[in-house]
Amino acid sequence: MKEIVVISGKGGTGKTSILAAFASFAANKVLCDADVDAADLHLIMNPTIRERHDFQSGHTAVVNQDKCTRCGLCRDLCRWDAISEDFVVDSIECEGCGVCCYFCPEGAIDFPLNTCGEWYLSDTRFGPMAHARLGIAEENSGKLVTLIRQQGKQLAEEKSLDFLLTDGPPGIGCPVIASLGGAAGVLIVSEPTVSGRHDMERVAELAAFFRIPAMVCINKFDLNPEQGEAIEAFARGKGVRVMGRVPFDPAFTKAMVQGQTVVEFDSGSEGCQAVKQIWENLASDIGI
């Protein structure tokens, strides 16, 4: 089974819109939304949820007031100052290290597992989909990204599908690293701005570090052709293959408002035709 991950050096480059269009062109695939911190592929896919599961990760200390003798050892040991003078744990300040729990002489501190969000297995008009929703201000999104990709691969195996199309997170942090391992290739969606170029360079270096074949396309290329050409020149210099250019096209925004892919909304638009060509180049390059 081959997996293509669509990522970007920064948020808002249009990777989800482009991946949603790919879903219209690709056959025999499973969709995966690994951008769990700000998942939005479901807004276009309108999935019917078949399975719903809690995502649990990390711990937060809780003081059992009935057992606590107020000896103060936990407060002395907590380097985060997360325990108040009346021995109540501040769940925001608590880092889940467990020191207070392990050293409490009375066993008065519980250390329950946190429920950080939910993950889902769904059906869409383009095929099965694995996706998730991380709770507000929750951590461990890298673990959830790994879980969602594993579930996507299991879906592909169960349904005898040999292709996984993953909407990855933006940036270069832990969630992005978790989305790259084992992928057949990554498509970096950039935009022709100074910051777009800078962030694209960083994520290209990240892919190179993990030896994942990287490709790039530039969205809204015609808004700043000079910067777009500079991005392409950098990519070629680093061995990153250029898949194509997407012009600025209001059809993408109009399609999102309607909860559709640009292919469904206006298959004859200039932007749609550009994305179709990128998909064909990508599929040929990966060997799908």
C-alpha atoms as a PDB file:
ATOM      1  CA  MET A   1       0.000   0.000   0.000  1.00  0.00           C
ATOM      2  CA  LYS A   2       1.276   3.453  -0.912  1.00  0.00           C
ATOM      3  CA  GLU A   3       0.586   6.654   0.991  1.00  0.00           C
ATOM      4  CA  ILE A   4       0.836  10.221  -0.247  1.00  0.00           C
ATOM      5  CA  VAL A   5       0.868  12.913   2.440  1.00  0.00           C
ATOM      6  CA  VAL A   6      -0.038  16.482   1.499  1.00  0.00           C
ATOM      7  CA  ILE A   7       1.688  18.951   3.828  1.00  0.00           C
ATOM      8  CA  SER A   8       2.689  22.608   3.934  1.00  0.00           C
ATOM      9  CA  GLY A   9       5.302  24.695   5.679  1.00  0.00           C
ATOM     10  CA  LYS A  10       2.592  26.991   7.064  1.00  0.00           C
ATOM     11  CA  GLY A  11      -1.156  26.959   7.486  1.00  0.00           C
ATOM     12  CA  GLY A  12      -3.562  28.360   4.919  1.00  0.00           C
ATOM     13  CA  THR A  13      -1.718  27.404   1.742  1.00  0.00           C
ATOM     14  CA  GLY A  14      -4.693  25.451   0.367  1.00  0.00           C
ATOM     15  CA  LYS A  15      -3.490  21.899   0.943  1.00  0.00           C
ATOM     16  CA  THR A  16      -6.874  20.629   2.129  1.00  0.00           C
ATOM     17  CA  SER A  17      -8.657  22.039  -0.932  1.00  0.00           C
ATOM     18  CA  ILE A  18      -6.068  20.471  -3.202  1.00  0.00           C
ATOM     19  CA  LEU A  19      -6.214  17.110  -1.407  1.00  0.00           C
ATOM     20  CA  ALA A  20     -10.019  17.156  -1.583  1.00  0.00           C
ATOM     21  CA  ALA A  21      -9.733  17.634  -5.334  1.00  0.00           C
ATOM     22  CA  PHE A  22      -7.303  14.707  -5.486  1.00  0.00           C
ATOM     23  CA  ALA A  23     -10.009  12.595  -3.817  1.00  0.00           C
ATOM     24  CA  SER A  24     -12.190  13.195  -6.876  1.00  0.00           C
ATOM     25  CA  PHE A  25      -9.483  11.935  -9.224  1.00  0.00           C
ATOM     26  CA  ALA A  26      -8.029   9.029  -7.217  1.00  0.00           C
ATOM     27  CA  ALA A  27      -9.565   5.556  -7.226  1.00  0.00           C
ATOM     28  CA  ASN A  28      -9.293   2.709  -4.697  1.00  0.00           C
ATOM     29  CA  LYS A  29      -8.146   4.921  -1.850  1.00  0.00           C
ATOM     30  CA  VAL A  30      -8.738   5.655   1.807  1.00  0.00           C
ATOM     31  CA  LEU A  31      -8.857   9.265   2.980  1.00  0.00           C
ATOM     32  CA  CYS A  32      -7.047  10.281   6.136  1.00  0.00           C
ATOM     33  CA  ASP A  33      -7.204  13.666   7.863  1.00  0.00           C
ATOM     34  CA  ALA A  34      -4.050  13.797   9.982  1.00  0.00           C
ATOM     35  CA  ASP A  35      -4.285  17.552  10.600  1.00  0.00           C
ATOM     36  CA  VAL A  36      -5.832  16.784  13.974  1.00  0.00           C
ATOM     37  CA  ASP A  37      -5.117  20.143  15.616  1.00  0.00           C
ATOM     38  CA  ALA A  38      -7.321  21.912  13.060  1.00  0.00           C
ATOM     39  CA  ALA A  39      -9.136  19.164  11.156  1.00  0.00           C
ATOM     40  CA  ASP A  40     -11.301  20.505   8.341  1.00  0.00           C
ATOM     41  CA  LEU A  41     -11.352  17.887   5.578  1.00  0.00           C
ATOM     42  CA  HIS A  42     -14.668  16.665   7.001  1.00  0.00           C
ATOM     43  CA  LEU A  43     -16.249  20.010   6.068  1.00  0.00           C
ATOM     44  CA  ILE A  44     -15.862  19.086   2.412  1.00  0.00           C
ATOM     45  CA  MET A  45     -16.208  15.294   2.675  1.00  0.00           C
ATOM     46  CA  ASN A  46     -19.356  15.392   4.886  1.00  0.00           C
ATOM     47  CA  PRO A  47     -18.562  11.967   6.377  1.00  0.00           C
ATOM     48  CA  THR A  48     -21.080   9.536   7.843  1.00  0.00           C
ATOM     49  CA  ILE A  49     -19.476   8.341  11.072  1.00  0.00           C
ATOM     50  CA  ARG A  50     -19.510   4.541  11.509  1.00  0.00           C
ATOM     51  CA  GLU A  51     -17.240   4.288  14.553  1.00  0.00           C
ATOM     52  CA  ARG A  52     -16.435   6.795  17.277  1.00  0.00           C
ATOM     53  CA  HIS A  53     -13.631   6.268  19.814  1.00  0.00           C
ATOM     54  CA  ASP A  54     -12.083   8.290  22.627  1.00  0.00           C
ATOM     55  CA  PHE A  55      -8.454   9.310  22.259  1.00  0.00           C
ATOM     56  CA  GLN A  56      -6.629   8.998  25.562  1.00  0.00           C
ATOM     57  CA  SER A  57      -3.075  10.118  26.206  1.00  0.00           C
ATOM     58  CA  GLY A  58      -1.103  11.692  29.029  1.00  0.00           C
ATOM     59  CA  HIS A  59      -2.010  11.989  32.699  1.00  0.00           C
ATOM     60  CA  THR A  60      -3.061  14.699  35.154  1.00  0.00           C
ATOM     61  CA  ALA A  61      -2.636  14.372  38.914  1.00  0.00           C
ATOM     62  CA  VAL A  62      -5.662  14.573  41.201  1.00  0.00           C
ATOM     63  CA  VAL A  63      -5.368  14.824  45.005  1.00  0.00           C
ATOM     64  CA  ASN A  64      -7.719  12.627  47.023  1.00  0.00           C
ATOM     65  CA  GLN A  65      -8.647  15.007  49.832  1.00  0.00           C
ATOM     66  CA  ASP A  66      -9.878  12.177  52.062  1.00  0.00           C
ATOM     67  CA  LYS A  67      -6.442  10.521  52.099  1.00  0.00           C
ATOM     68  CA  CYS A  68      -4.260  13.627  51.974  1.00  0.00           C
ATOM     69  CA  THR A  69      -2.510  14.513  55.283  1.00  0.00           C
ATOM     70  CA  ARG A  70      -1.213  17.904  54.009  1.00  0.00           C
ATOM     71  CA  CYS A  71       2.397  16.884  54.568  1.00  0.00           C
ATOM     72  CA  GLY A  72       3.460  19.167  51.710  1.00  0.00           C
ATOM     73  CA  LEU A  73       5.888  16.756  50.024  1.00  0.00           C
ATOM     74  CA  CYS A  74       4.013  16.918  46.722  1.00  0.00           C
ATOM     75  CA  ARG A  75       4.171  20.718  46.696  1.00  0.00           C
ATOM     76  CA  ASP A  76       7.894  20.622  47.445  1.00  0.00           C
ATOM     77  CA  LEU A  77       8.576  18.151  44.630  1.00  0.00           C
ATOM     78  CA  CYS A  78       6.381  19.771  41.951  1.00  0.00           C
ATOM     79  CA  ARG A  79       8.683  21.916  39.824  1.00  0.00           C
ATOM     80  CA  TRP A  80       5.665  23.316  37.952  1.00  0.00           C
ATOM     81  CA  ASP A  81       3.995  24.769  41.081  1.00  0.00           C
ATOM     82  CA  ALA A  82       0.815  23.018  39.973  1.00  0.00           C
ATOM     83  CA  ILE A  83      -0.399  22.186  43.500  1.00  0.00           C
ATOM     84  CA  SER A  84      -2.063  24.936  45.499  1.00  0.00           C
ATOM     85  CA  GLU A  85      -1.713  25.631  49.223  1.00  0.00           C
ATOM     86  CA  ASP A  86      -4.968  23.777  49.849  1.00  0.00           C
ATOM     87  CA  PHE A  87      -3.619  20.787  47.842  1.00  0.00           C
ATOM     88  CA  VAL A  88      -5.690  21.102  44.693  1.00  0.00           C
ATOM     89  CA  VAL A  89      -3.965  20.347  41.382  1.00  0.00           C
ATOM     90  CA  ASP A  90      -4.209  22.977  38.645  1.00  0.00           C
ATOM     91  CA  SER A  91      -4.873  20.829  35.559  1.00  0.00           C
ATOM     92  CA  ILE A  92      -3.464  23.526  33.259  1.00  0.00           C
ATOM     93  CA  GLU A  93      -0.173  23.832  35.146  1.00  0.00           C
ATOM     94  CA  CYS A  94       0.223  20.071  35.681  1.00  0.00           C
ATOM     95  CA  GLU A  95       2.653  18.576  33.146  1.00  0.00           C
ATOM     96  CA  GLY A  96       1.762  14.972  33.960  1.00  0.00           C
ATOM     97  CA  CYS A  97       5.249  13.990  35.143  1.00  0.00           C
ATOM     98  CA  GLY A  98       3.862  11.834  37.961  1.00  0.00           C
ATOM     99  CA  VAL A  99       6.438  12.767  40.623  1.00  0.00           C
ATOM    100  CA  CYS A 100       3.799  13.761  43.164  1.00  0.00           C
ATOM    101  CA  CYS A 101       1.899  10.516  42.634  1.00  0.00           C
ATOM    102  CA  TYR A 102       4.964   8.288  42.903  1.00  0.00           C
ATOM    103  CA  PHE A 103       6.365   9.896  46.064  1.00  0.00           C
ATOM    104  CA  CYS A 104       3.176  10.600  48.027  1.00  0.00           C
ATOM    105  CA  PRO A 105       3.650   8.646  51.308  1.00  0.00           C
ATOM    106  CA  GLU A 106      -0.123   8.247  51.767  1.00  0.00           C
ATOM    107  CA  GLY A 107      -0.947   7.198  48.202  1.00  0.00           C
ATOM    108  CA  ALA A 108      -3.349  10.118  48.153  1.00  0.00           C
ATOM    109  CA  ILE A 109      -2.711  11.260  44.583  1.00  0.00           C
ATOM    110  CA  ASP A 110      -4.405   9.609  41.630  1.00  0.00           C
ATOM    111  CA  PHE A 111      -2.922   9.792  38.141  1.00  0.00           C
ATOM    112  CA  PRO A 112      -5.761   9.082  35.672  1.00  0.00           C
ATOM    113  CA  LEU A 113      -5.366   8.916  31.907  1.00  0.00           C
ATOM    114  CA  ASN A 114      -6.607  12.007  30.054  1.00  0.00           C
ATOM    115  CA  THR A 115      -9.281  11.875  27.383  1.00  0.00           C
ATOM    116  CA  CYS A 116      -7.909  14.358  24.829  1.00  0.00           C
ATOM    117  CA  GLY A 117     -10.318  14.004  21.930  1.00  0.00           C
ATOM    118  CA  GLU A 118     -12.072  11.561  19.615  1.00  0.00           C
ATOM    119  CA  TRP A 119     -11.210   9.661  16.454  1.00  0.00           C
ATOM    120  CA  TYR A 120     -13.577   8.327  13.832  1.00  0.00           C
ATOM    121  CA  LEU A 121     -13.950   5.839  11.012  1.00  0.00           C
ATOM    122  CA  SER A 122     -16.401   7.140   8.434  1.00  0.00           C
ATOM    123  CA  ASP A 123     -17.827   6.707   4.972  1.00  0.00           C
ATOM    124  CA  THR A 124     -17.767   9.508   2.397  1.00  0.00           C
ATOM    125  CA  ARG A 125     -18.882   9.866  -1.205  1.00  0.00           C
ATOM    126  CA  PHE A 126     -15.229   9.367  -2.152  1.00  0.00           C
ATOM    127  CA  GLY A 127     -14.601   6.288  -0.010  1.00  0.00           C
ATOM    128  CA  PRO A 128     -13.722   5.419   3.596  1.00  0.00           C
ATOM    129  CA  MET A 129     -12.083   8.008   5.812  1.00  0.00           C
ATOM    130  CA  ALA A 130     -10.157   8.055   9.097  1.00  0.00           C
ATOM    131  CA  HIS A 131     -10.205  11.348  10.966  1.00  0.00           C
ATOM    132  CA  ALA A 132     -10.140  12.854  14.449  1.00  0.00           C
ATOM    133  CA  ARG A 133     -10.890  15.851  16.603  1.00  0.00           C
ATOM    134  CA  LEU A 134      -8.408  16.912  19.272  1.00  0.00           C
ATOM    135  CA  GLY A 135      -9.826  18.692  22.299  1.00  0.00           C
ATOM    136  CA  ILE A 136      -9.277  22.421  22.798  1.00  0.00           C
ATOM    137  CA  ALA A 137      -5.712  23.165  23.970  1.00  0.00           C
ATOM    138  CA  GLU A 138      -4.965  19.448  24.300  1.00  0.00           C
ATOM    139  CA  GLU A 139      -1.510  18.021  23.657  1.00  0.00           C
ATOM    140  CA  ASN A 140      -0.159  14.757  22.200  1.00  0.00           C
ATOM    141  CA  SER A 141      -1.385  15.522  18.681  1.00  0.00           C
ATOM    142  CA  GLY A 142       1.619  13.612  17.302  1.00  0.00           C
ATOM    143  CA  LYS A 143       0.320  10.426  18.928  1.00  0.00           C
ATOM    144  CA  LEU A 144      -3.132  11.050  17.481  1.00  0.00           C
ATOM    145  CA  VAL A 145      -1.651  11.591  14.002  1.00  0.00           C
ATOM    146  CA  THR A 146       0.112   8.226  14.283  1.00  0.00           C
ATOM    147  CA  LEU A 147      -3.113   6.556  15.433  1.00  0.00           C
ATOM    148  CA  ILE A 148      -5.151   8.023  12.575  1.00  0.00           C
ATOM    149  CA  ARG A 149      -2.614   6.916   9.959  1.00  0.00           C
ATOM    150  CA  GLN A 150      -2.607   3.402  11.451  1.00  0.00           C
ATOM    151  CA  GLN A 151      -6.403   3.290  11.283  1.00  0.00           C
ATOM    152  CA  GLY A 152      -6.318   4.503   7.681  1.00  0.00           C
ATOM    153  CA  LYS A 153      -3.928   1.716   6.751  1.00  0.00           C
ATOM    154  CA  GLN A 154      -6.105  -0.857   8.503  1.00  0.00           C
ATOM    155  CA  LEU A 155      -9.128   0.417   6.583  1.00  0.00           C
ATOM    156  CA  ALA A 156      -7.199   0.009   3.345  1.00  0.00           C
ATOM    157  CA  GLU A 157      -6.249  -3.559   4.254  1.00  0.00           C
ATOM    158  CA  GLU A 158      -9.791  -4.490   5.273  1.00  0.00           C
ATOM    159  CA  LYS A 159     -11.257  -3.143   2.036  1.00  0.00           C
ATOM    160  CA  SER A 160      -8.394  -4.345  -0.187  1.00  0.00           C
ATOM    161  CA  LEU A 161      -7.509  -0.797  -1.194  1.00  0.00           C
ATOM    162  CA  ASP A 162      -3.892  -0.052  -1.946  1.00  0.00           C
ATOM    163  CA  PHE A 163      -3.708   3.713  -1.650  1.00  0.00           C
ATOM    164  CA  LEU A 164      -3.883   6.139   1.298  1.00  0.00           C
ATOM    165  CA  LEU A 165      -4.370   9.862   0.691  1.00  0.00           C
ATOM    166  CA  THR A 166      -3.451  11.826   3.823  1.00  0.00           C
ATOM    167  CA  ASP A 167      -4.060  15.469   4.658  1.00  0.00           C
ATOM    168  CA  GLY A 168      -1.089  16.243   6.888  1.00  0.00           C
ATOM    169  CA  PRO A 169      -0.499  19.060   9.395  1.00  0.00           C
ATOM    170  CA  PRO A 170       1.315  22.305   8.551  1.00  0.00           C
ATOM    171  CA  GLY A 171       4.706  23.297   9.917  1.00  0.00           C
ATOM    172  CA  ILE A 172       7.689  21.172  10.955  1.00  0.00           C
ATOM    173  CA  GLY A 173       6.750  20.076  14.490  1.00  0.00           C
ATOM    174  CA  CYS A 174       5.871  16.760  16.102  1.00  0.00           C
ATOM    175  CA  PRO A 175       2.536  16.266  14.237  1.00  0.00           C
ATOM    176  CA  VAL A 176       4.270  16.723  10.868  1.00  0.00           C
ATOM    177  CA  ILE A 177       7.067  14.324  11.809  1.00  0.00           C
ATOM    178  CA  ALA A 178       4.425  11.786  12.861  1.00  0.00           C
ATOM    179  CA  SER A 179       2.707  12.140   9.479  1.00  0.00           C
ATOM    180  CA  LEU A 180       5.817  11.420   7.374  1.00  0.00           C
ATOM    181  CA  GLY A 181       7.175   8.028   8.407  1.00  0.00           C
ATOM    182  CA  GLY A 182       6.650   5.294   5.839  1.00  0.00           C
ATOM    183  CA  ALA A 183       5.000   7.547   3.245  1.00  0.00           C
ATOM    184  CA  ALA A 184       5.687   6.861  -0.437  1.00  0.00           C
ATOM    185  CA  GLY A 185       5.981  10.603  -0.969  1.00  0.00           C
ATOM    186  CA  VAL A 186       4.956  14.006   0.322  1.00  0.00           C
ATOM    187  CA  LEU A 187       3.494  16.854  -1.688  1.00  0.00           C
ATOM    188  CA  ILE A 188       4.379  20.249  -0.233  1.00  0.00           C
ATOM    189  CA  VAL A 189       1.812  22.923  -1.059  1.00  0.00           C
ATOM    190  CA  SER A 190       3.462  26.332  -1.008  1.00  0.00           C
ATOM    191  CA  GLU A 191       2.357  29.836  -1.857  1.00  0.00           C
ATOM    192  CA  PRO A 192       4.375  32.559  -3.629  1.00  0.00           C
ATOM    193  CA  THR A 193       5.280  34.773  -0.698  1.00  0.00           C
ATOM    194  CA  VAL A 194       8.472  35.355   1.262  1.00  0.00           C
ATOM    195  CA  SER A 195       7.087  33.516   4.299  1.00  0.00           C
ATOM    196  CA  GLY A 196       5.682  30.781   2.051  1.00  0.00           C
ATOM    197  CA  ARG A 197       9.077  30.203   0.521  1.00  0.00           C
ATOM    198  CA  HIS A 198      10.836  30.210   3.902  1.00  0.00           C
ATOM    199  CA  ASP A 199       8.441  27.704   5.445  1.00  0.00           C
ATOM    200  CA  MET A 200       8.487  25.506   2.327  1.00  0.00           C
ATOM    201  CA  GLU A 201      12.292  25.333   2.582  1.00  0.00           C
ATOM    202  CA  ARG A 202      12.070  24.181   6.198  1.00  0.00           C
ATOM    203  CA  VAL A 203       9.546  21.431   5.549  1.00  0.00           C
ATOM    204  CA  ALA A 204      11.499  20.275   2.472  1.00  0.00           C
ATOM    205  CA  GLU A 205      14.576  19.928   4.673  1.00  0.00           C
ATOM    206  CA  LEU A 206      12.499  17.942   7.166  1.00  0.00           C
ATOM    207  CA  ALA A 207      11.362  15.514   4.464  1.00  0.00           C
ATOM    208  CA  ALA A 208      14.952  15.162   3.260  1.00  0.00           C
ATOM    209  CA  PHE A 209      16.114  14.393   6.811  1.00  0.00           C
ATOM    210  CA  PHE A 210      13.671  11.474   6.993  1.00  0.00           C
ATOM    211  CA  ARG A 211      14.486  10.458   3.407  1.00  0.00           C
ATOM    212  CA  ILE A 212      10.903  10.810   2.222  1.00  0.00           C
ATOM    213  CA  PRO A 213      10.592  11.676  -1.492  1.00  0.00           C
ATOM    214  CA  ALA A 214       9.324  15.255  -1.643  1.00  0.00           C
ATOM    215  CA  MET A 215       7.452  17.123  -4.348  1.00  0.00           C
ATOM    216  CA  VAL A 216       6.115  20.663  -4.428  1.00  0.00           C
ATOM    217  CA  CYS A 217       3.328  22.624  -6.071  1.00  0.00           C
ATOM    218  CA  ILE A 218       2.711  26.356  -5.795  1.00  0.00           C
ATOM    219  CA  ASN A 219      -0.826  27.527  -5.097  1.00  0.00           C
ATOM    220  CA  LYS A 220      -1.985  30.976  -6.345  1.00  0.00           C
ATOM    221  CA  PHE A 221       1.193  31.130  -8.402  1.00  0.00           C
ATOM    222  CA  ASP A 222       0.073  34.068 -10.530  1.00  0.00           C
ATOM    223  CA  LEU A 223      -0.268  36.398  -7.508  1.00  0.00           C
ATOM    224  CA  ASN A 224       3.523  36.656  -7.288  1.00  0.00           C
ATOM    225  CA  PRO A 225       5.269  34.847 -10.178  1.00  0.00           C
ATOM    226  CA  GLU A 226       8.710  36.051  -9.086  1.00  0.00           C
ATOM    227  CA  GLN A 227       8.447  34.364  -5.692  1.00  0.00           C
ATOM    228  CA  GLY A 228       6.854  31.318  -7.302  1.00  0.00           C
ATOM    229  CA  GLU A 229       9.795  30.931  -9.655  1.00  0.00           C
ATOM    230  CA  ALA A 230      12.201  31.364  -6.720  1.00  0.00           C
ATOM    231  CA  ILE A 231      10.451  28.500  -4.913  1.00  0.00           C
ATOM    232  CA  GLU A 232      10.715  26.297  -7.992  1.00  0.00           C
ATOM    233  CA  ALA A 233      14.405  27.149  -8.379  1.00  0.00           C
ATOM    234  CA  PHE A 234      15.082  26.260  -4.735  1.00  0.00           C
ATOM    235  CA  ALA A 235      13.150  23.009  -5.101  1.00  0.00           C
ATOM    236  CA  ARG A 236      15.053  21.908  -8.172  1.00  0.00           C
ATOM    237  CA  GLY A 237      18.336  22.783  -6.488  1.00  0.00           C
ATOM    238  CA  LYS A 238      17.446  20.516  -3.557  1.00  0.00           C
ATOM    239  CA  GLY A 239      16.162  17.651  -5.707  1.00  0.00           C
ATOM    240  CA  VAL A 240      12.527  18.353  -4.837  1.00  0.00           C
ATOM    241  CA  ARG A 241      10.393  17.673  -7.880  1.00  0.00           C
ATOM    242  CA  VAL A 242       8.029  20.417  -9.058  1.00  0.00           C
ATOM    243  CA  MET A 243       4.580  19.003  -9.797  1.00  0.00           C
ATOM    244  CA  GLY A 244       2.937  22.153 -11.133  1.00  0.00           C
ATOM    245  CA  ARG A 245       1.356  25.530 -10.549  1.00  0.00           C
ATOM    246  CA  VAL A 246      -2.174  26.384  -9.430  1.00  0.00           C
ATOM    247  CA  PRO A 247      -3.499  29.840 -10.389  1.00  0.00           C
ATOM    248  CA  PHE A 248      -5.601  31.966  -8.071  1.00  0.00           C
ATOM    249  CA  ASP A 249      -9.163  30.815  -8.714  1.00  0.00           C
ATOM    250  CA  PRO A 250     -12.268  31.939  -6.737  1.00  0.00           C
ATOM    251  CA  ALA A 251     -13.827  28.572  -7.603  1.00  0.00           C
ATOM    252  CA  PHE A 252     -11.935  27.001  -4.678  1.00  0.00           C
ATOM    253  CA  THR A 253     -13.549  29.319  -2.127  1.00  0.00           C
ATOM    254  CA  LYS A 254     -16.980  28.988  -3.707  1.00  0.00           C
ATOM    255  CA  ALA A 255     -16.643  25.208  -3.657  1.00  0.00           C
ATOM    256  CA  MET A 256     -15.745  25.217   0.059  1.00  0.00           C
ATOM    257  CA  VAL A 257     -18.784  27.349   0.858  1.00  0.00           C
ATOM    258  CA  GLN A 258     -20.931  24.724  -0.857  1.00  0.00           C
ATOM    259  CA  GLY A 259     -19.166  21.846   0.938  1.00  0.00           C
ATOM    260  CA  GLN A 260     -17.805  20.539  -2.354  1.00  0.00           C
ATOM    261  CA  THR A 261     -14.483  19.871  -4.004  1.00  0.00           C
ATOM    262  CA  VAL A 262     -13.498  22.232  -6.801  1.00  0.00           C
ATOM    263  CA  VAL A 263     -13.956  19.295  -9.184  1.00  0.00           C
ATOM    264  CA  GLU A 264     -17.599  18.928  -8.163  1.00  0.00           C
ATOM    265  CA  PHE A 265     -18.243  22.664  -8.180  1.00  0.00           C
ATOM    266  CA  ASP A 266     -16.614  23.591 -11.489  1.00  0.00           C
ATOM    267  CA  SER A 267     -14.574  20.910 -13.227  1.00  0.00           C
ATOM    268  CA  GLY A 268     -13.838  23.247 -16.104  1.00  0.00           C
ATOM    269  CA  SER A 269     -12.280  25.995 -14.026  1.00  0.00           C
ATOM    270  CA  GLU A 270      -8.655  26.929 -14.557  1.00  0.00           C
ATOM    271  CA  GLY A 271      -7.759  25.955 -11.005  1.00  0.00           C
ATOM    272  CA  CYS A 272      -9.412  22.553 -11.298  1.00  0.00           C
ATOM    273  CA  GLN A 273      -7.571  21.768 -14.508  1.00  0.00           C
ATOM    274  CA  ALA A 274      -4.271  22.756 -12.891  1.00  0.00           C
ATOM    275  CA  VAL A 275      -4.896  20.478  -9.900  1.00  0.00           C
ATOM    276  CA  LYS A 276      -5.848  17.632 -12.235  1.00  0.00           C
ATOM    277  CA  GLN A 277      -2.521  17.997 -14.041  1.00  0.00           C
ATOM    278  CA  ILE A 278      -0.681  18.011 -10.707  1.00  0.00           C
ATOM    279  CA  TRP A 279      -2.483  14.832  -9.700  1.00  0.00           C
ATOM    280  CA  GLU A 280      -1.534  13.125 -12.952  1.00  0.00           C
ATOM    281  CA  ASN A 281       2.097  14.173 -12.498  1.00  0.00           C
ATOM    282  CA  LEU A 282       2.040  12.991  -8.896  1.00  0.00           C
ATOM    283  CA  ALA A 283       0.440   9.650  -9.697  1.00  0.00           C
ATOM    284  CA  SER A 284       2.921   9.024 -12.477  1.00  0.00           C
ATOM    285  CA  ASP A 285       5.861   9.955 -10.263  1.00  0.00           C
ATOM    286  CA  ILE A 286       4.782   7.764  -7.348  1.00  0.00           C
ATOM    287  CA  GLY A 287       3.614   4.944  -9.580  1.00  0.00           C
ATOM    288  CA  ILE A 288      -0.013   4.760  -8.473  1.00  0.00           C
END
